[in-house]
């Protein structure tokens, strides 16, 4: 069980992560708005590059998207097991870094889709990769109950003084 001061410290850090997460999610939807704006203002939009290597880039970025879930898991794991003491501040700092990194990495498919749209003009690529970003974002969205369980598991219990 967390002490009152520790719980408020944890909630403050979690709220900061939620604010960063909201900005990241807003960026995803801003890119969708950008795609729609370009699609409507440059109709019919054929992309800014008509090169023979675009299909290979398309395949490469889809493969990168498939491996993205492994990259996220690896990055989060490395942050969690970083060397250092297991006091409350260190554990919370690791949680903050891990959740922000997971949300930023979950947005990579959206960026890949935007690049493919801008190069080839195919909005279907963007929306498929945007949907994967939404799925990854849902999987790695910060959860307070997870934070509490990790903090309780990692930090040693300090016995209260009896008077």
N, C-alpha and C. Protein backbone atom coordinates (compact mmCIF):
# COMPACT_ATOMS: atom_id res chain seq x y z
N UNK A 1 0.84 -1.18 0.00
CA UNK A 1 0.00 0.00 0.00
C UNK A 1 0.89 1.25 0.00
N UNK A 2 0.58 2.17 -0.86
CA UNK A 2 1.36 3.41 -0.94
C UNK A 2 0.97 4.37 0.16
N UNK A 3 1.98 5.10 0.64
CA UNK A 3 1.70 6.15 1.61
C UNK A 3 1.07 7.34 0.87
N UNK A 4 0.44 8.21 1.63
CA UNK A 4 -0.28 9.35 1.04
C UNK A 4 0.65 10.25 0.20
N UNK A 5 1.82 10.57 0.71
CA UNK A 5 2.75 11.42 -0.04
C UNK A 5 3.27 10.74 -1.28
N UNK A 6 3.52 9.43 -1.16
CA UNK A 6 3.99 8.67 -2.32
C UNK A 6 2.91 8.58 -3.39
N UNK A 7 1.67 8.42 -2.96
CA UNK A 7 0.57 8.32 -3.92
C UNK A 7 0.37 9.63 -4.68
N UNK A 8 0.50 10.76 -3.99
CA UNK A 8 0.34 12.04 -4.68
C UNK A 8 1.50 12.27 -5.65
N UNK A 9 2.71 11.85 -5.27
CA UNK A 9 3.87 11.96 -6.16
C UNK A 9 3.64 11.11 -7.42
N UNK A 10 3.12 9.90 -7.22
CA UNK A 10 2.85 9.01 -8.33
C UNK A 10 1.76 9.56 -9.24
N UNK A 11 0.70 10.11 -8.66
CA UNK A 11 -0.39 10.68 -9.46
C UNK A 11 0.08 11.90 -10.25
N UNK A 12 0.92 12.73 -9.65
CA UNK A 12 1.44 13.89 -10.37
C UNK A 12 2.26 13.46 -11.59
N UNK A 13 3.13 12.48 -11.39
CA UNK A 13 3.93 11.99 -12.51
C UNK A 13 3.04 11.35 -13.57
N UNK A 14 2.03 10.61 -13.14
CA UNK A 14 1.13 9.97 -14.10
C UNK A 14 0.35 11.01 -14.89
N UNK A 15 -0.08 12.07 -14.24
CA UNK A 15 -0.81 13.13 -14.95
C UNK A 15 0.07 13.82 -15.99
N UNK A 16 1.36 13.99 -15.68
CA UNK A 16 2.28 14.57 -16.66
C UNK A 16 2.42 13.66 -17.88
N UNK A 17 2.48 12.35 -17.63
CA UNK A 17 2.57 11.40 -18.74
C UNK A 17 1.29 11.44 -19.57
N UNK A 18 0.15 11.57 -18.91
CA UNK A 18 -1.11 11.67 -19.66
C UNK A 18 -1.14 12.92 -20.53
N UNK A 19 -0.57 14.02 -20.05
CA UNK A 19 -0.53 15.24 -20.85
C UNK A 19 0.35 15.04 -22.09
N UNK A 20 1.49 14.42 -21.91
CA UNK A 20 2.37 14.15 -23.06
C UNK A 20 1.68 13.19 -24.03
N UNK A 21 0.99 12.19 -23.48
CA UNK A 21 0.26 11.24 -24.31
C UNK A 21 -0.82 11.93 -25.12
N UNK A 22 -1.51 12.88 -24.51
CA UNK A 22 -2.56 13.62 -25.22
C UNK A 22 -1.96 14.41 -26.39
N UNK A 23 -0.79 14.99 -26.19
CA UNK A 23 -0.14 15.74 -27.27
C UNK A 23 0.27 14.79 -28.40
N UNK A 24 0.79 13.62 -28.04
CA UNK A 24 1.19 12.64 -29.05
C UNK A 24 -0.02 12.18 -29.85
N UNK A 25 -1.11 11.89 -29.18
CA UNK A 25 -2.33 11.45 -29.86
C UNK A 25 -2.88 12.58 -30.75
N UNK A 26 -2.81 13.81 -30.26
CA UNK A 26 -3.25 14.94 -31.09
C UNK A 26 -2.40 15.04 -32.35
N UNK A 27 -1.11 14.74 -32.24
CA UNK A 27 -0.25 14.74 -33.42
C UNK A 27 -0.66 13.70 -34.44
N UNK A 28 -1.09 12.51 -33.96
CA UNK A 28 -1.57 11.48 -34.88
C UNK A 28 -2.77 12.00 -35.67
N UNK A 29 -3.72 12.58 -34.97
CA UNK A 29 -4.92 13.06 -35.65
C UNK A 29 -4.65 14.29 -36.50
N UNK A 30 -3.65 15.06 -36.13
CA UNK A 30 -3.24 16.19 -36.96
C UNK A 30 -2.67 15.69 -38.29
N UNK A 31 -1.94 14.59 -38.25
CA UNK A 31 -1.42 14.03 -39.50
C UNK A 31 -2.56 13.51 -40.38
N UNK A 32 -3.61 12.95 -39.76
CA UNK A 32 -4.78 12.51 -40.54
C UNK A 32 -5.47 13.71 -41.18
N UNK A 33 -5.57 14.80 -40.45
CA UNK A 33 -6.16 16.01 -41.02
C UNK A 33 -5.30 16.55 -42.16
N UNK A 34 -3.99 16.45 -42.01
CA UNK A 34 -3.08 16.89 -43.07
C UNK A 34 -3.28 16.06 -44.34
N UNK A 35 -3.43 14.76 -44.17
CA UNK A 35 -3.66 13.88 -45.32
C UNK A 35 -4.95 14.27 -46.02
N UNK A 36 -6.00 14.49 -45.27
CA UNK A 36 -7.28 14.87 -45.87
C UNK A 36 -7.19 16.23 -46.57
N UNK A 37 -6.46 17.15 -45.98
CA UNK A 37 -6.32 18.48 -46.59
C UNK A 37 -5.55 18.39 -47.90
N UNK A 38 -4.45 17.63 -47.89
CA UNK A 38 -3.67 17.48 -49.12
C UNK A 38 -4.49 16.75 -50.18
N UNK A 39 -5.23 15.72 -49.76
CA UNK A 39 -6.05 14.96 -50.69
C UNK A 39 -7.09 15.85 -51.37
N UNK A 40 -7.70 16.74 -50.60
CA UNK A 40 -8.75 17.59 -51.17
C UNK A 40 -8.19 18.79 -51.94
N UNK A 41 -7.09 19.33 -51.49
CA UNK A 41 -6.57 20.53 -52.16
C UNK A 41 -5.75 20.21 -53.41
N UNK A 42 -5.23 19.00 -53.52
CA UNK A 42 -4.43 18.62 -54.67
C UNK A 42 -5.08 17.46 -55.43
N UNK A 43 -6.41 17.45 -55.48
CA UNK A 43 -7.13 16.33 -56.11
C UNK A 43 -6.88 16.32 -57.61
N UNK A 44 -6.64 15.25 -58.23
CA UNK A 44 -6.27 13.95 -57.66
C UNK A 44 -4.79 13.95 -57.26
N UNK A 45 -4.51 13.62 -56.02
CA UNK A 45 -3.14 13.66 -55.50
C UNK A 45 -2.41 12.38 -55.90
N UNK A 46 -1.31 12.54 -56.60
CA UNK A 46 -0.52 11.39 -57.08
C UNK A 46 0.77 11.21 -56.32
N UNK A 47 1.00 12.01 -55.31
CA UNK A 47 2.26 11.92 -54.56
C UNK A 47 3.29 12.87 -55.13
N UNK A 48 4.31 13.11 -54.33
CA UNK A 48 5.35 14.04 -54.76
C UNK A 48 6.51 13.34 -55.45
N UNK A 49 6.51 12.01 -55.45
CA UNK A 49 7.59 11.27 -56.09
C UNK A 49 7.01 10.09 -56.85
N UNK A 50 7.38 9.96 -58.09
CA UNK A 50 6.99 8.80 -58.89
C UNK A 50 8.25 8.05 -59.28
N UNK A 51 8.80 7.37 -58.32
CA UNK A 51 10.03 6.63 -58.55
C UNK A 51 9.75 5.14 -58.49
N UNK A 52 10.60 4.38 -59.10
CA UNK A 52 10.42 2.93 -59.14
C UNK A 52 10.69 2.28 -57.78
N UNK A 53 11.37 2.98 -56.87
CA UNK A 53 11.72 2.39 -55.58
C UNK A 53 10.62 2.56 -54.53
N UNK A 54 9.55 3.26 -54.85
CA UNK A 54 8.48 3.48 -53.87
C UNK A 54 7.83 2.16 -53.43
N UNK A 55 7.56 1.19 -54.33
CA UNK A 55 6.99 -0.08 -53.85
C UNK A 55 7.92 -0.83 -52.89
N UNK A 56 9.22 -0.75 -53.12
CA UNK A 56 10.16 -1.39 -52.19
C UNK A 56 10.15 -0.68 -50.85
N UNK A 57 10.07 0.64 -50.87
CA UNK A 57 9.98 1.39 -49.63
C UNK A 57 8.68 1.05 -48.90
N UNK A 58 7.61 0.88 -49.65
CA UNK A 58 6.33 0.50 -49.09
C UNK A 58 6.45 -0.83 -48.34
N UNK A 59 7.05 -1.81 -48.98
CA UNK A 59 7.25 -3.12 -48.35
C UNK A 59 8.13 -3.00 -47.11
N UNK A 60 9.20 -2.25 -47.23
CA UNK A 60 10.11 -2.08 -46.10
C UNK A 60 9.41 -1.43 -44.91
N UNK A 61 8.63 -0.40 -45.15
CA UNK A 61 7.96 0.28 -44.04
C UNK A 61 6.87 -0.58 -43.42
N UNK A 62 6.20 -1.39 -44.21
CA UNK A 62 5.23 -2.33 -43.63
C UNK A 62 5.93 -3.37 -42.76
N UNK A 63 7.09 -3.84 -43.19
CA UNK A 63 7.85 -4.78 -42.36
C UNK A 63 8.33 -4.11 -41.08
N UNK A 64 8.77 -2.86 -41.19
CA UNK A 64 9.17 -2.12 -39.99
C UNK A 64 8.00 -1.96 -39.03
N UNK A 65 6.82 -1.77 -39.57
CA UNK A 65 5.63 -1.65 -38.73
C UNK A 65 5.35 -2.95 -37.99
N UNK A 66 5.55 -4.07 -38.67
CA UNK A 66 5.33 -5.35 -38.02
C UNK A 66 6.32 -5.57 -36.88
N UNK A 67 7.55 -5.13 -37.06
CA UNK A 67 8.56 -5.28 -36.02
C UNK A 67 8.48 -4.19 -34.96
N UNK A 68 7.65 -3.20 -35.19
CA UNK A 68 7.54 -2.09 -34.26
C UNK A 68 7.08 -2.54 -32.87
N UNK A 69 6.19 -3.51 -32.81
CA UNK A 69 5.71 -3.99 -31.52
C UNK A 69 6.85 -4.59 -30.72
N UNK A 70 7.78 -5.27 -31.41
CA UNK A 70 8.95 -5.82 -30.72
C UNK A 70 9.89 -4.72 -30.25
N UNK A 71 10.04 -3.69 -31.06
CA UNK A 71 10.88 -2.56 -30.69
C UNK A 71 10.32 -1.87 -29.44
N UNK A 72 9.02 -1.70 -29.41
CA UNK A 72 8.39 -1.06 -28.24
C UNK A 72 8.62 -1.91 -27.00
N UNK A 73 8.37 -3.20 -27.10
CA UNK A 73 8.55 -4.08 -25.94
C UNK A 73 10.00 -4.08 -25.47
N UNK A 74 10.95 -4.10 -26.41
CA UNK A 74 12.35 -4.10 -26.05
C UNK A 74 12.74 -2.78 -25.36
N UNK A 75 12.31 -1.67 -25.92
CA UNK A 75 12.65 -0.36 -25.33
C UNK A 75 12.07 -0.22 -23.93
N UNK A 76 10.83 -0.63 -23.76
CA UNK A 76 10.19 -0.54 -22.44
C UNK A 76 10.91 -1.44 -21.45
N UNK A 77 11.25 -2.65 -21.87
CA UNK A 77 11.95 -3.57 -20.98
C UNK A 77 13.31 -3.01 -20.57
N UNK A 78 14.05 -2.45 -21.52
CA UNK A 78 15.36 -1.89 -21.20
C UNK A 78 15.26 -0.72 -20.22
N UNK A 79 14.22 0.06 -20.35
CA UNK A 79 14.03 1.17 -19.42
C UNK A 79 13.69 0.65 -18.04
N UNK A 80 12.82 -0.37 -17.97
CA UNK A 80 12.43 -0.92 -16.67
C UNK A 80 13.60 -1.55 -15.92
N UNK A 81 14.50 -2.23 -16.63
CA UNK A 81 15.58 -2.94 -15.95
C UNK A 81 16.88 -2.14 -15.91
N UNK A 82 16.80 -0.85 -16.14
CA UNK A 82 17.99 -0.02 -16.10
C UNK A 82 18.63 -0.10 -14.71
N UNK A 83 19.96 -0.05 -14.67
CA UNK A 83 20.62 -0.15 -13.37
C UNK A 83 20.33 1.08 -12.51
N UNK A 84 20.32 0.86 -11.23
CA UNK A 84 20.09 1.95 -10.30
C UNK A 84 19.28 1.46 -9.11
N UNK A 85 19.12 2.33 -8.15
CA UNK A 85 18.37 1.93 -6.96
C UNK A 85 16.88 1.76 -7.28
N UNK A 86 16.22 1.00 -6.43
CA UNK A 86 14.78 0.80 -6.62
C UNK A 86 13.99 1.62 -5.60
N UNK A 87 14.34 2.89 -5.49
CA UNK A 87 13.53 3.75 -4.63
C UNK A 87 12.37 4.31 -5.44
N UNK A 88 11.46 4.98 -4.77
CA UNK A 88 10.23 5.45 -5.41
C UNK A 88 10.51 6.39 -6.58
N UNK A 89 11.39 7.36 -6.38
CA UNK A 89 11.64 8.34 -7.44
C UNK A 89 12.25 7.69 -8.68
N UNK A 90 13.15 6.75 -8.49
CA UNK A 90 13.77 6.08 -9.63
C UNK A 90 12.76 5.23 -10.38
N UNK A 91 11.93 4.50 -9.66
CA UNK A 91 10.93 3.65 -10.30
C UNK A 91 9.92 4.50 -11.06
N UNK A 92 9.49 5.60 -10.48
CA UNK A 92 8.53 6.48 -11.16
C UNK A 92 9.17 7.13 -12.38
N UNK A 93 10.44 7.50 -12.28
CA UNK A 93 11.13 8.08 -13.44
C UNK A 93 11.22 7.05 -14.57
N UNK A 94 11.47 5.79 -14.23
CA UNK A 94 11.49 4.74 -15.25
C UNK A 94 10.11 4.54 -15.87
N UNK A 95 9.08 4.59 -15.05
CA UNK A 95 7.72 4.45 -15.58
C UNK A 95 7.37 5.58 -16.53
N UNK A 96 7.75 6.80 -16.16
CA UNK A 96 7.49 7.96 -17.02
C UNK A 96 8.20 7.79 -18.35
N UNK A 97 9.48 7.45 -18.30
CA UNK A 97 10.25 7.29 -19.54
C UNK A 97 9.70 6.15 -20.40
N UNK A 98 9.37 5.05 -19.76
CA UNK A 98 8.88 3.88 -20.50
C UNK A 98 7.55 4.17 -21.19
N UNK A 99 6.63 4.82 -20.48
CA UNK A 99 5.32 5.08 -21.09
C UNK A 99 5.39 6.13 -22.19
N UNK A 100 6.22 7.14 -22.01
CA UNK A 100 6.38 8.14 -23.07
C UNK A 100 7.07 7.52 -24.28
N UNK A 101 8.09 6.72 -24.04
CA UNK A 101 8.77 6.05 -25.16
C UNK A 101 7.82 5.11 -25.90
N UNK A 102 6.99 4.39 -25.15
CA UNK A 102 6.05 3.47 -25.79
C UNK A 102 5.04 4.22 -26.64
N UNK A 103 4.55 5.34 -26.15
CA UNK A 103 3.58 6.11 -26.95
C UNK A 103 4.24 6.71 -28.19
N UNK A 104 5.46 7.21 -28.04
CA UNK A 104 6.14 7.78 -29.21
C UNK A 104 6.46 6.71 -30.24
N UNK A 105 6.92 5.55 -29.78
CA UNK A 105 7.23 4.47 -30.71
C UNK A 105 5.97 3.89 -31.35
N UNK A 106 4.86 3.94 -30.63
CA UNK A 106 3.62 3.43 -31.23
C UNK A 106 3.14 4.35 -32.36
N UNK A 107 3.66 5.56 -32.43
CA UNK A 107 3.29 6.48 -33.50
C UNK A 107 4.12 6.33 -34.76
N UNK A 108 5.14 5.48 -34.73
CA UNK A 108 5.96 5.30 -35.93
C UNK A 108 5.17 4.83 -37.15
N UNK A 109 4.23 3.88 -37.02
CA UNK A 109 3.46 3.50 -38.21
C UNK A 109 2.71 4.66 -38.85
N UNK A 110 2.23 5.59 -38.04
CA UNK A 110 1.54 6.76 -38.57
C UNK A 110 2.50 7.62 -39.40
N UNK A 111 3.70 7.76 -38.90
CA UNK A 111 4.71 8.53 -39.64
C UNK A 111 5.08 7.81 -40.94
N UNK A 112 5.22 6.48 -40.86
CA UNK A 112 5.50 5.70 -42.08
C UNK A 112 4.38 5.89 -43.10
N UNK A 113 3.15 5.85 -42.62
CA UNK A 113 2.01 6.02 -43.52
C UNK A 113 1.98 7.41 -44.15
N UNK A 114 2.33 8.41 -43.36
CA UNK A 114 2.38 9.78 -43.89
C UNK A 114 3.46 9.90 -44.96
N UNK A 115 4.61 9.29 -44.72
CA UNK A 115 5.69 9.31 -45.72
C UNK A 115 5.24 8.62 -47.00
N UNK A 116 4.61 7.46 -46.86
CA UNK A 116 4.13 6.74 -48.05
C UNK A 116 3.06 7.54 -48.80
N UNK A 117 2.19 8.20 -48.05
CA UNK A 117 1.17 9.02 -48.70
C UNK A 117 1.80 10.18 -49.46
N UNK A 118 2.74 10.85 -48.84
CA UNK A 118 3.36 12.00 -49.49
C UNK A 118 4.18 11.59 -50.71
N UNK A 119 4.80 10.41 -50.66
CA UNK A 119 5.59 9.97 -51.81
C UNK A 119 4.74 9.40 -52.93
N UNK A 120 3.80 8.51 -52.58
CA UNK A 120 3.06 7.78 -53.60
C UNK A 120 1.64 8.28 -53.81
N UNK A 121 1.09 9.00 -52.82
CA UNK A 121 -0.25 9.54 -52.97
C UNK A 121 -1.36 8.57 -52.63
N UNK A 122 -1.03 7.41 -52.08
CA UNK A 122 -2.05 6.41 -51.76
C UNK A 122 -2.49 6.60 -50.31
N UNK A 123 -3.70 7.09 -50.12
CA UNK A 123 -4.18 7.36 -48.77
C UNK A 123 -4.53 6.08 -48.02
N UNK A 124 -4.73 4.97 -48.73
CA UNK A 124 -5.04 3.69 -48.07
C UNK A 124 -3.86 3.26 -47.21
N UNK A 125 -2.64 3.43 -47.71
CA UNK A 125 -1.45 3.11 -46.90
C UNK A 125 -1.46 3.90 -45.60
N UNK A 126 -1.75 5.18 -45.71
CA UNK A 126 -1.75 6.01 -44.50
C UNK A 126 -2.79 5.50 -43.51
N UNK A 127 -4.01 5.24 -43.97
CA UNK A 127 -5.06 4.87 -43.03
C UNK A 127 -4.85 3.48 -42.43
N UNK A 128 -4.25 2.55 -43.18
CA UNK A 128 -3.92 1.25 -42.61
C UNK A 128 -2.88 1.39 -41.49
N UNK A 129 -1.86 2.17 -41.77
CA UNK A 129 -0.82 2.36 -40.77
C UNK A 129 -1.31 3.23 -39.61
N UNK A 130 -2.21 4.15 -39.89
CA UNK A 130 -2.83 4.95 -38.82
C UNK A 130 -3.63 4.04 -37.90
N UNK A 131 -4.35 3.07 -38.48
CA UNK A 131 -5.12 2.13 -37.66
C UNK A 131 -4.20 1.30 -36.78
N UNK A 132 -3.04 0.90 -37.30
CA UNK A 132 -2.08 0.18 -36.47
C UNK A 132 -1.52 1.06 -35.36
N UNK A 133 -1.35 2.33 -35.65
CA UNK A 133 -0.92 3.26 -34.60
C UNK A 133 -1.96 3.34 -33.50
N UNK A 134 -3.22 3.39 -33.88
CA UNK A 134 -4.29 3.42 -32.88
C UNK A 134 -4.29 2.14 -32.05
N UNK A 135 -4.08 1.01 -32.69
CA UNK A 135 -4.03 -0.26 -31.96
C UNK A 135 -2.84 -0.29 -31.01
N UNK A 136 -1.66 0.08 -31.50
CA UNK A 136 -0.47 0.11 -30.64
C UNK A 136 -0.67 1.11 -29.49
N UNK A 137 -1.24 2.26 -29.81
CA UNK A 137 -1.49 3.25 -28.77
C UNK A 137 -2.45 2.76 -27.71
N UNK A 138 -3.44 1.98 -28.12
CA UNK A 138 -4.38 1.40 -27.16
C UNK A 138 -3.68 0.37 -26.27
N UNK A 139 -2.83 -0.43 -26.87
CA UNK A 139 -2.11 -1.44 -26.10
C UNK A 139 -1.18 -0.79 -25.08
N UNK A 140 -0.46 0.25 -25.48
CA UNK A 140 0.56 0.85 -24.62
C UNK A 140 0.10 2.15 -23.95
N UNK A 141 -1.19 2.40 -23.93
CA UNK A 141 -1.69 3.60 -23.24
C UNK A 141 -1.36 3.49 -21.76
N UNK A 142 -0.89 4.56 -21.12
CA UNK A 142 -0.53 4.50 -19.70
C UNK A 142 -1.74 4.16 -18.82
N UNK A 143 -1.54 3.25 -17.89
CA UNK A 143 -2.60 2.85 -16.96
C UNK A 143 -2.10 3.00 -15.53
N UNK A 144 -2.89 3.70 -14.75
CA UNK A 144 -2.49 4.00 -13.37
C UNK A 144 -2.39 2.74 -12.52
N UNK A 145 -3.29 1.79 -12.72
CA UNK A 145 -3.25 0.56 -11.92
C UNK A 145 -1.96 -0.22 -12.17
N UNK A 146 -1.47 -0.17 -13.41
CA UNK A 146 -0.19 -0.81 -13.72
C UNK A 146 0.94 -0.12 -12.99
N UNK A 147 0.89 1.21 -12.95
CA UNK A 147 1.91 1.97 -12.25
C UNK A 147 1.94 1.61 -10.77
N UNK A 148 0.77 1.56 -10.16
CA UNK A 148 0.71 1.26 -8.72
C UNK A 148 1.26 -0.13 -8.45
N UNK A 149 0.89 -1.10 -9.27
CA UNK A 149 1.38 -2.46 -9.04
C UNK A 149 2.89 -2.55 -9.22
N UNK A 150 3.44 -1.85 -10.21
CA UNK A 150 4.90 -1.88 -10.42
C UNK A 150 5.61 -1.18 -9.28
N UNK A 151 5.10 -0.05 -8.83
CA UNK A 151 5.73 0.66 -7.71
C UNK A 151 5.69 -0.19 -6.45
N UNK A 152 4.56 -0.82 -6.18
CA UNK A 152 4.47 -1.67 -4.99
C UNK A 152 5.39 -2.88 -5.09
N UNK A 153 5.58 -3.40 -6.29
CA UNK A 153 6.45 -4.55 -6.48
C UNK A 153 7.92 -4.18 -6.37
N UNK A 154 8.30 -3.03 -6.94
CA UNK A 154 9.71 -2.66 -7.04
C UNK A 154 10.27 -1.97 -5.80
N UNK A 155 9.47 -1.15 -5.16
CA UNK A 155 9.99 -0.41 -4.02
C UNK A 155 9.88 -1.26 -2.77
N UNK A 156 10.93 -1.26 -1.97
CA UNK A 156 10.87 -2.04 -0.73
C UNK A 156 9.91 -1.39 0.25
N UNK A 157 9.20 -2.24 0.98
CA UNK A 157 8.26 -1.74 1.98
C UNK A 157 9.03 -1.20 3.17
N UNK A 158 8.75 0.02 3.53
CA UNK A 158 9.40 0.65 4.67
C UNK A 158 8.47 0.52 5.87
N UNK A 159 8.93 -0.16 6.92
CA UNK A 159 8.03 -0.28 8.08
C UNK A 159 7.78 1.06 8.74
N UNK A 160 6.54 1.27 9.14
CA UNK A 160 6.20 2.54 9.79
C UNK A 160 6.67 2.50 11.24
N UNK A 161 7.07 3.66 11.74
CA UNK A 161 7.54 3.77 13.12
C UNK A 161 6.37 3.66 14.08
N UNK A 162 6.58 2.86 15.10
CA UNK A 162 5.56 2.74 16.12
C UNK A 162 5.95 3.59 17.31
N UNK A 163 5.00 4.33 17.81
CA UNK A 163 5.31 5.21 18.94
C UNK A 163 4.67 4.71 20.20
